[in-house]
Amino acid sequence: MDTHADTCVAGCNFLMCEFDGTTCEVSPFTEEYQAMTNIPVVSAATAWTDIESGETVILWFNQILWYGDKLDHSLINPNQL
């Protein structure tokens, strides 16, 4: 699985829970667009519901890149998990 991400990225389906002011520069995997700067590194959470049992679980991620409403999905890197 290749998400082109070496870390997890929180999109609009996450809620930012903690931010200590740390930011980073995110470099693209291609030279077709520029790196993004000042991307917040946060703790964030999202809910996942098991369709078979109906149980909802809160998933908490530490040190995840925060894109919020700038991204309509999230990237979960299995290598980081």
N, C-alpha and C. Protein backbone atom coordinates (compact mmCIF):
# COMPACT_ATOMS: atom_id res chain seq x y z
N MET A 1 0.85 -1.18 0.00
CA MET A 1 0.00 0.00 0.00
C MET A 1 0.89 1.23 0.00
N ASP A 2 0.68 2.11 -0.95
CA ASP A 2 1.48 3.33 -1.04
C ASP A 2 0.56 4.53 -1.07
N THR A 3 0.55 5.29 0.01
CA THR A 3 -0.28 6.49 0.08
C THR A 3 0.49 7.73 -0.32
N HIS A 4 1.75 7.56 -0.71
CA HIS A 4 2.66 8.68 -1.00
C HIS A 4 2.88 9.53 0.23
N ALA A 5 2.59 8.98 1.40
CA ALA A 5 2.78 9.70 2.66
C ALA A 5 3.64 8.84 3.57
N ASP A 6 4.59 9.47 4.24
CA ASP A 6 5.41 8.71 5.19
C ASP A 6 4.93 8.94 6.62
N THR A 7 3.79 9.60 6.76
CA THR A 7 3.17 9.81 8.06
C THR A 7 1.66 9.89 7.84
N CYS A 8 0.91 9.95 8.91
CA CYS A 8 -0.54 10.06 8.79
C CYS A 8 -0.94 11.53 8.61
N VAL A 9 -2.02 11.74 7.87
CA VAL A 9 -2.51 13.07 7.57
C VAL A 9 -3.99 13.14 7.93
N ALA A 10 -4.37 14.10 8.77
CA ALA A 10 -5.75 14.27 9.20
C ALA A 10 -6.48 15.26 8.31
N GLY A 11 -7.56 14.77 7.70
CA GLY A 11 -8.40 15.62 6.88
C GLY A 11 -9.65 16.05 7.64
N CYS A 12 -10.71 16.34 6.89
CA CYS A 12 -11.92 16.92 7.49
C CYS A 12 -12.70 15.96 8.37
N ASN A 13 -12.39 14.67 8.34
CA ASN A 13 -13.11 13.71 9.19
C ASN A 13 -12.42 13.52 10.55
N PHE A 14 -11.44 14.35 10.86
CA PHE A 14 -10.76 14.34 12.16
C PHE A 14 -11.09 15.59 12.93
N LEU A 15 -10.94 15.52 14.24
CA LEU A 15 -11.08 16.65 15.13
C LEU A 15 -9.73 16.90 15.79
N MET A 16 -9.20 18.13 15.66
CA MET A 16 -7.95 18.46 16.32
C MET A 16 -8.19 18.51 17.82
N CYS A 17 -7.35 17.82 18.59
CA CYS A 17 -7.51 17.76 20.04
C CYS A 17 -6.42 18.52 20.78
N GLU A 18 -5.19 18.48 20.28
CA GLU A 18 -4.07 19.17 20.91
C GLU A 18 -3.14 19.72 19.84
N PHE A 19 -2.62 20.93 20.09
CA PHE A 19 -1.63 21.55 19.19
C PHE A 19 -0.67 22.34 20.05
N ASP A 20 0.61 21.98 19.99
CA ASP A 20 1.62 22.65 20.83
C ASP A 20 2.43 23.70 20.07
N GLY A 21 2.02 24.00 18.84
CA GLY A 21 2.72 25.01 18.05
C GLY A 21 3.73 24.45 17.06
N THR A 22 3.95 23.14 17.08
CA THR A 22 4.90 22.52 16.16
C THR A 22 4.32 22.49 14.75
N THR A 23 5.12 22.92 13.78
CA THR A 23 4.72 22.85 12.37
C THR A 23 5.87 22.22 11.58
N CYS A 24 5.58 21.87 10.34
CA CYS A 24 6.62 21.29 9.49
C CYS A 24 6.39 21.68 8.04
N GLU A 25 7.36 21.37 7.21
CA GLU A 25 7.26 21.55 5.78
C GLU A 25 6.98 20.19 5.17
N VAL A 26 5.99 20.11 4.30
CA VAL A 26 5.62 18.86 3.66
C VAL A 26 6.07 18.91 2.21
N SER A 27 7.00 18.01 1.88
CA SER A 27 7.55 17.97 0.52
C SER A 27 6.76 16.99 -0.32
N PRO A 28 6.46 17.35 -1.56
CA PRO A 28 5.71 16.46 -2.44
C PRO A 28 6.57 15.30 -2.95
N PHE A 29 5.90 14.28 -3.43
CA PHE A 29 6.59 13.14 -4.02
C PHE A 29 6.93 13.40 -5.48
N THR A 30 6.52 14.51 -6.00
CA THR A 30 6.81 14.89 -7.38
C THR A 30 7.18 16.37 -7.41
N GLU A 31 7.90 16.78 -8.42
CA GLU A 31 8.30 18.19 -8.53
C GLU A 31 7.24 19.03 -9.24
N GLU A 32 6.06 18.47 -9.50
CA GLU A 32 5.01 19.19 -10.20
C GLU A 32 4.34 20.25 -9.34
N TYR A 33 4.53 20.20 -8.04
CA TYR A 33 3.98 21.24 -7.18
C TYR A 33 4.94 21.52 -6.03
N GLN A 34 4.74 22.66 -5.38
CA GLN A 34 5.65 23.13 -4.34
C GLN A 34 5.37 22.49 -2.99
N ALA A 35 6.41 22.48 -2.15
CA ALA A 35 6.24 22.02 -0.78
C ALA A 35 5.28 22.95 -0.05
N MET A 36 4.57 22.42 0.94
CA MET A 36 3.67 23.22 1.77
C MET A 36 4.39 23.49 3.08
N THR A 37 4.28 24.71 3.58
CA THR A 37 4.98 25.07 4.81
C THR A 37 3.98 25.34 5.93
N ASN A 38 4.49 25.31 7.15
CA ASN A 38 3.70 25.61 8.34
C ASN A 38 2.49 24.70 8.51
N ILE A 39 2.66 23.41 8.21
CA ILE A 39 1.59 22.43 8.43
C ILE A 39 1.64 22.02 9.90
N PRO A 40 0.55 22.20 10.65
CA PRO A 40 0.54 21.86 12.07
C PRO A 40 0.70 20.36 12.30
N VAL A 41 1.45 20.02 13.33
CA VAL A 41 1.59 18.63 13.79
C VAL A 41 0.79 18.56 15.09
N VAL A 42 -0.24 17.71 15.13
CA VAL A 42 -1.21 17.75 16.21
C VAL A 42 -1.52 16.35 16.75
N SER A 43 -2.29 16.31 17.80
CA SER A 43 -2.99 15.10 18.20
C SER A 43 -4.43 15.30 17.74
N ALA A 44 -4.98 14.27 17.09
CA ALA A 44 -6.34 14.40 16.55
C ALA A 44 -7.07 13.07 16.69
N ALA A 45 -8.38 13.13 16.60
CA ALA A 45 -9.20 11.93 16.77
C ALA A 45 -10.28 11.87 15.70
N THR A 46 -10.70 10.65 15.43
CA THR A 46 -11.82 10.40 14.53
C THR A 46 -12.59 9.21 15.07
N ALA A 47 -13.80 9.03 14.60
CA ALA A 47 -14.62 7.89 15.03
C ALA A 47 -14.71 6.89 13.88
N TRP A 48 -14.69 5.62 14.24
CA TRP A 48 -14.86 4.54 13.27
C TRP A 48 -15.95 3.62 13.80
N THR A 49 -16.90 3.26 12.96
CA THR A 49 -18.00 2.39 13.37
C THR A 49 -17.89 1.05 12.65
N ASP A 50 -17.89 -0.02 13.41
CA ASP A 50 -17.88 -1.39 12.88
C ASP A 50 -19.27 -1.66 12.32
N ILE A 51 -19.36 -1.92 11.03
CA ILE A 51 -20.67 -2.09 10.40
C ILE A 51 -21.36 -3.39 10.83
N GLU A 52 -20.60 -4.35 11.30
CA GLU A 52 -21.21 -5.61 11.74
C GLU A 52 -21.79 -5.51 13.14
N SER A 53 -21.05 -4.91 14.07
CA SER A 53 -21.51 -4.85 15.45
C SER A 53 -22.21 -3.54 15.80
N GLY A 54 -21.98 -2.50 15.01
CA GLY A 54 -22.53 -1.19 15.31
C GLY A 54 -21.73 -0.42 16.34
N GLU A 55 -20.66 -1.03 16.86
CA GLU A 55 -19.82 -0.38 17.87
C GLU A 55 -19.00 0.74 17.24
N THR A 56 -18.98 1.89 17.89
CA THR A 56 -18.18 3.02 17.45
C THR A 56 -16.96 3.14 18.35
N VAL A 57 -15.80 3.30 17.74
CA VAL A 57 -14.53 3.40 18.45
C VAL A 57 -13.89 4.74 18.11
N ILE A 58 -13.36 5.42 19.11
CA ILE A 58 -12.62 6.67 18.87
C ILE A 58 -11.16 6.31 18.64
N LEU A 59 -10.63 6.74 17.51
CA LEU A 59 -9.23 6.49 17.16
C LEU A 59 -8.45 7.78 17.40
N TRP A 60 -7.41 7.70 18.24
CA TRP A 60 -6.59 8.86 18.61
C TRP A 60 -5.23 8.73 17.94
N PHE A 61 -4.81 9.79 17.28
CA PHE A 61 -3.52 9.80 16.59
C PHE A 61 -2.65 10.91 17.17
N ASN A 62 -1.44 10.57 17.58
CA ASN A 62 -0.45 11.55 18.03
C ASN A 62 0.45 11.91 16.86
N GLN A 63 0.89 13.14 16.82
CA GLN A 63 1.83 13.63 15.81
C GLN A 63 1.35 13.33 14.39
N ILE A 64 0.16 13.77 14.11
CA ILE A 64 -0.43 13.62 12.78
C ILE A 64 -0.45 15.00 12.12
N LEU A 65 -0.21 15.04 10.82
CA LEU A 65 -0.24 16.31 10.10
C LEU A 65 -1.69 16.77 9.98
N TRP A 66 -1.93 18.04 10.27
CA TRP A 66 -3.29 18.59 10.28
C TRP A 66 -3.58 19.36 9.00
N TYR A 67 -4.49 18.83 8.18
CA TYR A 67 -4.98 19.53 7.00
C TYR A 67 -6.42 19.98 7.18
N GLY A 68 -7.15 19.34 8.09
CA GLY A 68 -8.52 19.74 8.38
C GLY A 68 -9.37 19.85 7.14
N ASP A 69 -10.06 20.98 6.96
CA ASP A 69 -10.96 21.18 5.82
C ASP A 69 -10.25 21.34 4.49
N LYS A 70 -8.92 21.41 4.50
CA LYS A 70 -8.17 21.52 3.24
C LYS A 70 -8.10 20.19 2.51
N LEU A 71 -8.48 19.09 3.18
CA LEU A 71 -8.40 17.76 2.60
C LEU A 71 -9.70 17.02 2.89
N ASP A 72 -10.36 16.51 1.83
CA ASP A 72 -11.67 15.87 2.02
C ASP A 72 -11.58 14.41 2.47
N HIS A 73 -10.37 13.93 2.73
CA HIS A 73 -10.15 12.58 3.22
C HIS A 73 -8.90 12.60 4.10
N SER A 74 -8.57 11.48 4.69
CA SER A 74 -7.36 11.39 5.51
C SER A 74 -6.46 10.29 4.97
N LEU A 75 -5.18 10.38 5.29
CA LEU A 75 -4.22 9.36 4.88
C LEU A 75 -3.71 8.66 6.14
N ILE A 76 -3.95 7.37 6.22
CA ILE A 76 -3.50 6.58 7.35
C ILE A 76 -2.40 5.67 6.85
N ASN A 77 -1.18 5.94 7.29
CA ASN A 77 -0.02 5.19 6.83
C ASN A 77 0.14 3.94 7.68
N PRO A 78 -0.04 2.74 7.10
CA PRO A 78 0.07 1.52 7.89
C PRO A 78 1.47 1.30 8.45
N ASN A 79 2.49 1.84 7.82
CA ASN A 79 3.85 1.68 8.34
C ASN A 79 4.05 2.47 9.62
N GLN A 80 3.34 3.56 9.80
CA GLN A 80 3.45 4.36 11.02
C GLN A 80 2.63 3.75 12.15
N LEU A 81 1.53 3.10 11.81
CA LEU A 81 0.67 2.53 12.83
C LEU A 81 1.40 1.44 13.57
